[in-house]
N, C-alpha and C. Protein backbone atom coordinates (compact mmCIF):
# COMPACT_ATOMS: atom_id res chain seq x y z
N MET A 1 30.83 11.09 46.20
CA MET A 1 30.51 9.76 45.73
C MET A 1 31.79 8.95 45.67
N ARG A 2 31.81 7.77 46.34
CA ARG A 2 32.97 6.89 46.30
C ARG A 2 32.70 5.74 45.35
N MET A 3 33.75 5.36 44.62
CA MET A 3 33.63 4.23 43.71
C MET A 3 34.47 3.08 44.24
N GLY A 4 34.04 1.87 43.96
CA GLY A 4 34.86 0.71 44.26
C GLY A 4 36.05 0.67 43.33
N ARG A 5 37.01 -0.21 43.65
CA ARG A 5 38.22 -0.31 42.83
C ARG A 5 37.92 -0.68 41.39
N SER A 6 37.00 -1.63 41.18
CA SER A 6 36.72 -2.04 39.80
C SER A 6 36.05 -0.92 39.01
N ALA A 7 35.16 -0.15 39.66
CA ALA A 7 34.53 0.98 38.97
C ALA A 7 35.55 2.05 38.65
N ALA A 8 36.44 2.34 39.60
CA ALA A 8 37.48 3.34 39.37
C ALA A 8 38.40 2.90 38.24
N PHE A 9 38.75 1.61 38.21
CA PHE A 9 39.60 1.10 37.13
C PHE A 9 38.89 1.25 35.79
N ALA A 10 37.60 0.94 35.76
CA ALA A 10 36.84 1.05 34.51
C ALA A 10 36.80 2.49 34.03
N VAL A 11 36.60 3.44 34.95
CA VAL A 11 36.59 4.85 34.57
C VAL A 11 37.94 5.25 34.01
N ARG A 12 39.02 4.85 34.68
CA ARG A 12 40.37 5.20 34.19
C ARG A 12 40.64 4.59 32.82
N ALA A 13 40.20 3.35 32.63
CA ALA A 13 40.40 2.70 31.33
C ALA A 13 39.63 3.44 30.25
N LEU A 14 38.39 3.86 30.55
CA LEU A 14 37.59 4.61 29.60
C LEU A 14 38.22 5.95 29.26
N ILE A 15 38.69 6.66 30.29
CA ILE A 15 39.34 7.95 30.07
C ILE A 15 40.61 7.75 29.26
N GLY A 16 41.39 6.72 29.59
CA GLY A 16 42.62 6.43 28.84
C GLY A 16 42.32 6.17 27.38
N ALA A 17 41.26 5.41 27.13
CA ALA A 17 40.88 5.14 25.74
C ALA A 17 40.49 6.43 25.03
N GLY A 18 39.78 7.30 25.75
CA GLY A 18 39.41 8.59 25.16
C GLY A 18 40.62 9.42 24.84
N ALA A 19 41.60 9.46 25.77
CA ALA A 19 42.83 10.23 25.54
C ALA A 19 43.58 9.66 24.35
N LEU A 20 43.60 8.34 24.25
CA LEU A 20 44.28 7.72 23.11
C LEU A 20 43.59 8.09 21.81
N SER A 21 42.26 8.18 21.83
CA SER A 21 41.55 8.52 20.59
C SER A 21 41.89 9.92 20.13
N LEU A 22 42.28 10.80 21.06
CA LEU A 22 42.69 12.15 20.66
C LEU A 22 43.92 12.10 19.77
N ALA A 23 44.75 11.07 19.96
CA ALA A 23 45.99 10.98 19.22
C ALA A 23 45.82 10.31 17.86
N LEU A 24 44.66 9.75 17.61
CA LEU A 24 44.45 9.08 16.34
C LEU A 24 44.37 10.11 15.22
N ALA A 25 45.06 9.85 14.15
CA ALA A 25 45.09 10.79 13.03
C ALA A 25 43.88 10.56 12.14
N GLY A 26 43.00 11.57 12.05
CA GLY A 26 41.86 11.50 11.15
C GLY A 26 40.86 10.44 11.56
N SER A 27 40.03 10.05 10.61
CA SER A 27 39.03 9.03 10.90
C SER A 27 39.62 7.65 10.68
N ALA A 28 38.96 6.67 11.25
CA ALA A 28 39.45 5.30 11.14
C ALA A 28 39.05 4.73 9.78
N SER A 29 39.99 4.68 8.87
CA SER A 29 39.73 4.06 7.58
C SER A 29 40.93 3.19 7.21
N ALA A 30 40.72 2.29 6.28
CA ALA A 30 41.77 1.34 5.90
C ALA A 30 43.00 2.04 5.33
N GLN A 31 42.85 3.24 4.75
CA GLN A 31 43.97 3.93 4.13
C GLN A 31 44.83 4.69 5.14
N GLN A 32 44.34 4.93 6.33
CA GLN A 32 45.08 5.72 7.30
C GLN A 32 45.70 4.82 8.36
N LYS A 33 46.83 5.28 8.91
CA LYS A 33 47.49 4.53 9.97
C LYS A 33 46.92 4.93 11.32
N ILE A 34 46.83 3.95 12.20
CA ILE A 34 46.47 4.24 13.58
C ILE A 34 47.76 4.61 14.29
N THR A 35 47.73 5.72 15.04
CA THR A 35 48.91 6.13 15.79
C THR A 35 48.59 6.12 17.27
N PHE A 36 49.63 5.98 18.08
CA PHE A 36 49.49 5.96 19.53
C PHE A 36 50.36 7.03 20.13
N THR A 37 49.93 7.58 21.24
CA THR A 37 50.75 8.50 22.00
C THR A 37 50.37 8.34 23.46
N ASP A 38 50.96 9.13 24.31
CA ASP A 38 50.62 9.09 25.73
C ASP A 38 50.56 10.52 26.24
N LEU A 39 49.99 10.68 27.41
CA LEU A 39 49.78 12.01 27.97
C LEU A 39 51.10 12.75 28.17
N ASP A 40 52.13 12.06 28.66
CA ASP A 40 53.43 12.72 28.85
C ASP A 40 53.96 13.31 27.55
N SER A 41 53.85 12.56 26.46
CA SER A 41 54.32 13.06 25.17
C SER A 41 53.54 14.28 24.71
N LEU A 42 52.21 14.24 24.86
CA LEU A 42 51.38 15.39 24.48
C LEU A 42 51.76 16.62 25.29
N LEU A 43 52.00 16.43 26.60
CA LEU A 43 52.36 17.56 27.45
C LEU A 43 53.74 18.13 27.10
N ARG A 44 54.67 17.26 26.73
CA ARG A 44 56.01 17.74 26.30
C ARG A 44 55.92 18.49 24.98
N GLU A 45 55.11 17.99 24.05
CA GLU A 45 54.98 18.61 22.73
C GLU A 45 54.29 19.97 22.79
N LYS A 46 53.39 20.15 23.73
CA LYS A 46 52.62 21.39 23.80
C LYS A 46 52.51 21.88 25.24
N PRO A 47 53.63 22.34 25.82
CA PRO A 47 53.58 22.84 27.20
C PRO A 47 52.78 24.14 27.29
N LEU A 48 52.30 24.42 28.48
CA LEU A 48 51.57 25.66 28.71
C LEU A 48 52.54 26.83 28.57
N PRO A 49 52.29 27.75 27.63
CA PRO A 49 53.22 28.86 27.42
C PRO A 49 53.31 29.77 28.65
N PRO A 50 54.47 30.38 28.88
CA PRO A 50 54.60 31.31 30.01
C PRO A 50 53.57 32.43 29.89
N GLY A 51 52.97 32.79 31.01
CA GLY A 51 51.98 33.85 31.02
C GLY A 51 50.57 33.41 30.66
N ARG A 52 50.44 32.24 30.09
CA ARG A 52 49.12 31.72 29.71
C ARG A 52 48.55 30.93 30.89
N THR A 53 47.27 31.05 31.16
CA THR A 53 46.70 30.35 32.31
C THR A 53 46.06 29.01 31.95
N ALA A 54 45.68 28.82 30.68
CA ALA A 54 45.05 27.56 30.27
C ALA A 54 45.18 27.39 28.77
N ASP A 55 45.18 26.12 28.34
CA ASP A 55 45.27 25.83 26.91
C ASP A 55 44.70 24.45 26.64
N ILE A 56 44.00 24.30 25.53
CA ILE A 56 43.55 22.99 25.07
C ILE A 56 44.68 22.43 24.22
N ILE A 57 45.29 21.31 24.68
CA ILE A 57 46.45 20.79 23.94
C ILE A 57 46.08 19.71 22.93
N ALA A 58 44.86 19.17 23.05
CA ALA A 58 44.39 18.19 22.07
C ALA A 58 42.87 18.18 22.13
N THR A 59 42.25 17.92 21.00
CA THR A 59 40.79 17.84 20.96
C THR A 59 40.38 16.83 19.90
N ARG A 60 39.26 16.21 20.14
CA ARG A 60 38.71 15.24 19.18
C ARG A 60 37.20 15.34 19.21
N HIS A 61 36.61 15.58 18.06
CA HIS A 61 35.15 15.65 17.94
C HIS A 61 34.64 14.25 17.64
N VAL A 62 33.72 13.76 18.47
CA VAL A 62 33.15 12.43 18.29
C VAL A 62 31.64 12.57 18.34
N ASP A 63 30.98 12.31 17.22
CA ASP A 63 29.53 12.51 17.10
C ASP A 63 29.20 13.93 17.56
N ALA A 64 28.32 14.07 18.56
CA ALA A 64 27.93 15.41 19.01
C ALA A 64 28.80 15.92 20.16
N SER A 65 29.76 15.11 20.61
CA SER A 65 30.58 15.46 21.77
C SER A 65 32.00 15.85 21.36
N ASP A 66 32.67 16.56 22.27
CA ASP A 66 34.08 16.87 22.10
C ASP A 66 34.84 16.29 23.28
N LEU A 67 36.01 15.73 23.02
CA LEU A 67 36.93 15.26 24.05
C LEU A 67 38.15 16.16 23.97
N GLN A 68 38.52 16.78 25.08
CA GLN A 68 39.65 17.71 25.10
C GLN A 68 40.61 17.36 26.22
N ILE A 69 41.89 17.64 25.99
CA ILE A 69 42.87 17.62 27.06
C ILE A 69 43.25 19.07 27.31
N VAL A 70 42.99 19.53 28.54
CA VAL A 70 43.20 20.92 28.93
C VAL A 70 44.29 20.98 29.99
N VAL A 71 45.27 21.87 29.80
CA VAL A 71 46.29 22.14 30.81
C VAL A 71 45.98 23.52 31.36
N ALA A 72 45.93 23.63 32.71
CA ALA A 72 45.49 24.91 33.27
C ALA A 72 46.14 25.22 34.61
N ARG A 73 46.62 26.45 34.72
CA ARG A 73 46.96 27.00 36.03
C ARG A 73 45.70 27.61 36.63
N LYS A 74 44.88 28.24 35.76
CA LYS A 74 43.62 28.82 36.21
C LYS A 74 42.67 28.92 35.02
N ILE A 75 41.45 28.51 35.26
CA ILE A 75 40.36 28.70 34.31
C ILE A 75 39.36 29.58 35.02
N GLU A 76 39.21 30.79 34.53
CA GLU A 76 38.32 31.77 35.16
C GLU A 76 36.89 31.24 35.21
N LEU A 77 36.11 31.77 36.14
CA LEU A 77 34.70 31.40 36.23
C LEU A 77 34.02 31.69 34.89
N HIS A 78 33.25 30.73 34.42
CA HIS A 78 32.55 30.86 33.15
C HIS A 78 31.33 29.94 33.16
N ILE A 79 30.58 29.98 32.09
CA ILE A 79 29.35 29.19 31.99
C ILE A 79 29.25 28.62 30.57
N HIS A 80 28.66 27.44 30.46
CA HIS A 80 28.36 26.84 29.16
C HIS A 80 26.85 26.80 29.03
N GLU A 81 26.33 27.49 28.04
CA GLU A 81 24.88 27.63 27.87
C GLU A 81 24.19 26.34 27.43
N ASP A 82 24.87 25.52 26.62
CA ASP A 82 24.15 24.38 26.03
C ASP A 82 24.90 23.06 26.07
N THR A 83 25.94 22.95 26.91
CA THR A 83 26.66 21.68 27.01
C THR A 83 26.91 21.31 28.47
N ASP A 84 26.85 20.01 28.74
CA ASP A 84 27.27 19.45 30.02
C ASP A 84 28.73 19.04 29.88
N HIS A 85 29.48 19.12 30.98
CA HIS A 85 30.88 18.73 30.96
C HIS A 85 31.14 17.66 32.01
N THR A 86 31.92 16.66 31.64
CA THR A 86 32.45 15.71 32.59
C THR A 86 33.96 15.88 32.55
N VAL A 87 34.56 16.15 33.71
CA VAL A 87 35.98 16.49 33.80
C VAL A 87 36.69 15.46 34.68
N PHE A 88 37.72 14.84 34.14
CA PHE A 88 38.56 13.90 34.88
C PHE A 88 39.89 14.59 35.16
N VAL A 89 40.28 14.67 36.42
CA VAL A 89 41.56 15.29 36.79
C VAL A 89 42.65 14.24 36.61
N ALA A 90 43.49 14.43 35.58
CA ALA A 90 44.54 13.46 35.26
C ALA A 90 45.87 13.80 35.93
N ARG A 91 46.11 15.07 36.19
CA ARG A 91 47.35 15.52 36.85
C ARG A 91 47.05 16.73 37.71
N GLY A 92 47.83 16.89 38.78
CA GLY A 92 47.77 18.08 39.60
C GLY A 92 46.69 18.05 40.67
N SER A 93 46.64 19.13 41.42
CA SER A 93 45.61 19.31 42.44
C SER A 93 45.27 20.79 42.48
N GLY A 94 44.09 21.09 42.97
CA GLY A 94 43.67 22.49 43.00
C GLY A 94 42.29 22.64 43.56
N VAL A 95 41.61 23.67 43.10
CA VAL A 95 40.28 24.00 43.58
C VAL A 95 39.34 24.12 42.38
N PHE A 96 38.18 23.51 42.52
CA PHE A 96 37.08 23.66 41.57
C PHE A 96 36.11 24.64 42.20
N ARG A 97 35.85 25.75 41.52
CA ARG A 97 34.91 26.75 42.01
C ARG A 97 33.63 26.65 41.18
N PHE A 98 32.49 26.77 41.88
CA PHE A 98 31.22 26.61 41.20
C PHE A 98 30.12 27.37 41.91
N ASP A 99 29.35 28.11 41.18
CA ASP A 99 28.11 28.71 41.64
C ASP A 99 28.11 29.09 43.12
N GLY A 100 29.16 29.81 43.57
CA GLY A 100 29.25 30.26 44.96
C GLY A 100 29.94 29.31 45.91
N GLY A 101 30.39 28.16 45.45
CA GLY A 101 31.06 27.18 46.30
C GLY A 101 32.46 26.86 45.79
N ALA A 102 33.16 26.03 46.54
CA ALA A 102 34.50 25.58 46.13
C ALA A 102 34.75 24.21 46.73
N ARG A 103 35.55 23.42 46.02
CA ARG A 103 35.92 22.08 46.51
C ARG A 103 37.30 21.75 45.96
N GLY A 104 38.12 21.15 46.79
CA GLY A 104 39.42 20.69 46.33
C GLY A 104 39.27 19.55 45.33
N VAL A 105 40.18 19.51 44.36
CA VAL A 105 40.22 18.41 43.39
C VAL A 105 41.64 17.88 43.32
N LYS A 106 41.74 16.59 42.99
CA LYS A 106 43.05 15.93 42.89
C LYS A 106 42.97 14.86 41.80
N VAL A 107 44.11 14.27 41.50
CA VAL A 107 44.17 13.22 40.49
C VAL A 107 43.14 12.13 40.79
N GLY A 108 42.40 11.77 39.76
CA GLY A 108 41.40 10.72 39.88
C GLY A 108 39.99 11.22 40.10
N ASP A 109 39.85 12.50 40.46
CA ASP A 109 38.50 13.05 40.67
C ASP A 109 37.78 13.22 39.34
N ILE A 110 36.47 13.02 39.38
CA ILE A 110 35.60 13.22 38.22
C ILE A 110 34.53 14.22 38.63
N VAL A 111 34.42 15.31 37.88
CA VAL A 111 33.47 16.37 38.18
C VAL A 111 32.48 16.44 37.03
N THR A 112 31.19 16.36 37.34
CA THR A 112 30.15 16.50 36.34
C THR A 112 29.53 17.89 36.50
N ILE A 113 29.56 18.66 35.42
CA ILE A 113 29.10 20.06 35.46
C ILE A 113 27.95 20.22 34.47
N PRO A 114 26.72 20.37 34.99
CA PRO A 114 25.59 20.59 34.09
C PRO A 114 25.69 21.96 33.40
N LYS A 115 25.01 22.09 32.28
CA LYS A 115 24.97 23.37 31.57
C LYS A 115 24.45 24.46 32.50
N LYS A 116 24.83 25.68 32.21
CA LYS A 116 24.38 26.89 32.89
C LYS A 116 24.81 26.99 34.35
N ILE A 117 25.85 26.26 34.74
CA ILE A 117 26.42 26.36 36.09
C ILE A 117 27.74 27.12 35.99
N VAL A 118 27.87 28.21 36.73
CA VAL A 118 29.12 28.98 36.76
C VAL A 118 30.19 28.10 37.40
N HIS A 119 31.37 28.01 36.76
CA HIS A 119 32.44 27.17 37.28
C HIS A 119 33.81 27.60 36.77
N GLY A 120 34.86 27.13 37.44
CA GLY A 120 36.24 27.37 37.03
C GLY A 120 37.17 26.49 37.87
N PHE A 121 38.43 26.44 37.47
CA PHE A 121 39.44 25.64 38.15
C PHE A 121 40.66 26.49 38.43
N GLU A 122 41.40 26.13 39.48
CA GLU A 122 42.67 26.78 39.77
C GLU A 122 43.61 25.76 40.41
N ALA A 123 44.82 25.64 39.85
CA ALA A 123 45.82 24.74 40.42
C ALA A 123 46.29 25.28 41.76
N ASP A 124 46.70 24.38 42.66
CA ASP A 124 47.26 24.80 43.94
C ASP A 124 48.50 25.66 43.69
N PRO A 125 48.70 26.70 44.51
CA PRO A 125 49.89 27.56 44.35
C PRO A 125 51.18 26.73 44.45
N GLY A 126 52.09 26.97 43.52
CA GLY A 126 53.38 26.29 43.51
C GLY A 126 53.35 24.87 42.98
N SER A 127 52.17 24.36 42.59
CA SER A 127 52.11 23.00 42.07
C SER A 127 52.12 23.01 40.55
N GLU A 128 52.20 21.83 39.98
CA GLU A 128 52.13 21.72 38.52
C GLU A 128 50.73 22.13 38.06
N PRO A 129 50.59 22.51 36.80
CA PRO A 129 49.26 22.84 36.28
C PRO A 129 48.34 21.62 36.34
N LEU A 130 47.07 21.88 36.40
CA LEU A 130 46.08 20.80 36.30
C LEU A 130 46.08 20.28 34.87
N VAL A 131 45.90 18.99 34.71
CA VAL A 131 45.67 18.39 33.39
C VAL A 131 44.30 17.73 33.49
N LEU A 132 43.37 18.24 32.67
CA LEU A 132 41.99 17.83 32.73
C LEU A 132 41.56 17.16 31.42
N LEU A 133 40.93 16.01 31.51
CA LEU A 133 40.33 15.39 30.34
C LEU A 133 38.86 15.76 30.40
N VAL A 134 38.40 16.47 29.39
CA VAL A 134 37.06 17.06 29.42
C VAL A 134 36.21 16.46 28.28
N VAL A 135 35.05 15.93 28.66
CA VAL A 135 34.08 15.48 27.67
C VAL A 135 32.95 16.50 27.70
N GLU A 136 32.72 17.15 26.56
CA GLU A 136 31.69 18.18 26.42
C GLU A 136 30.57 17.59 25.58
N THR A 137 29.36 17.53 26.17
CA THR A 137 28.23 16.89 25.50
C THR A 137 27.04 17.83 25.47
N PRO A 138 26.42 18.00 24.30
CA PRO A 138 25.20 18.81 24.25
C PRO A 138 24.13 18.20 25.16
N SER A 139 23.39 19.05 25.82
CA SER A 139 22.34 18.51 26.70
C SER A 139 20.97 18.74 26.11
């Protein structure tokens, strides 16, 4: 599926807003300060440890959904029984494996994964880890 420039910009703006909300401290109330951060800062503060293949570096629960920033060299094939996932590739390139198939992914790609579909990710050999913004929604 190809998107026009304005649709792609809107998706990036939405994802950026979601990533920014991960950095907000606590709930939005008059007594708390709103804080800002950026993806580079989050990645510097919580790099992928040596020997580890994937890590959630930030998460935010919003209503029934979760928004996560995941850094991964490899995410083994797995399944989610009761949640759909929308994954935005923010950094890196690699392969998305799913239910017997595979497809290359790169920065800007959006992958929608329905519940009960076997899937996983792997960064290209010798490249930086994938950075994935993941919205997990009950279906």
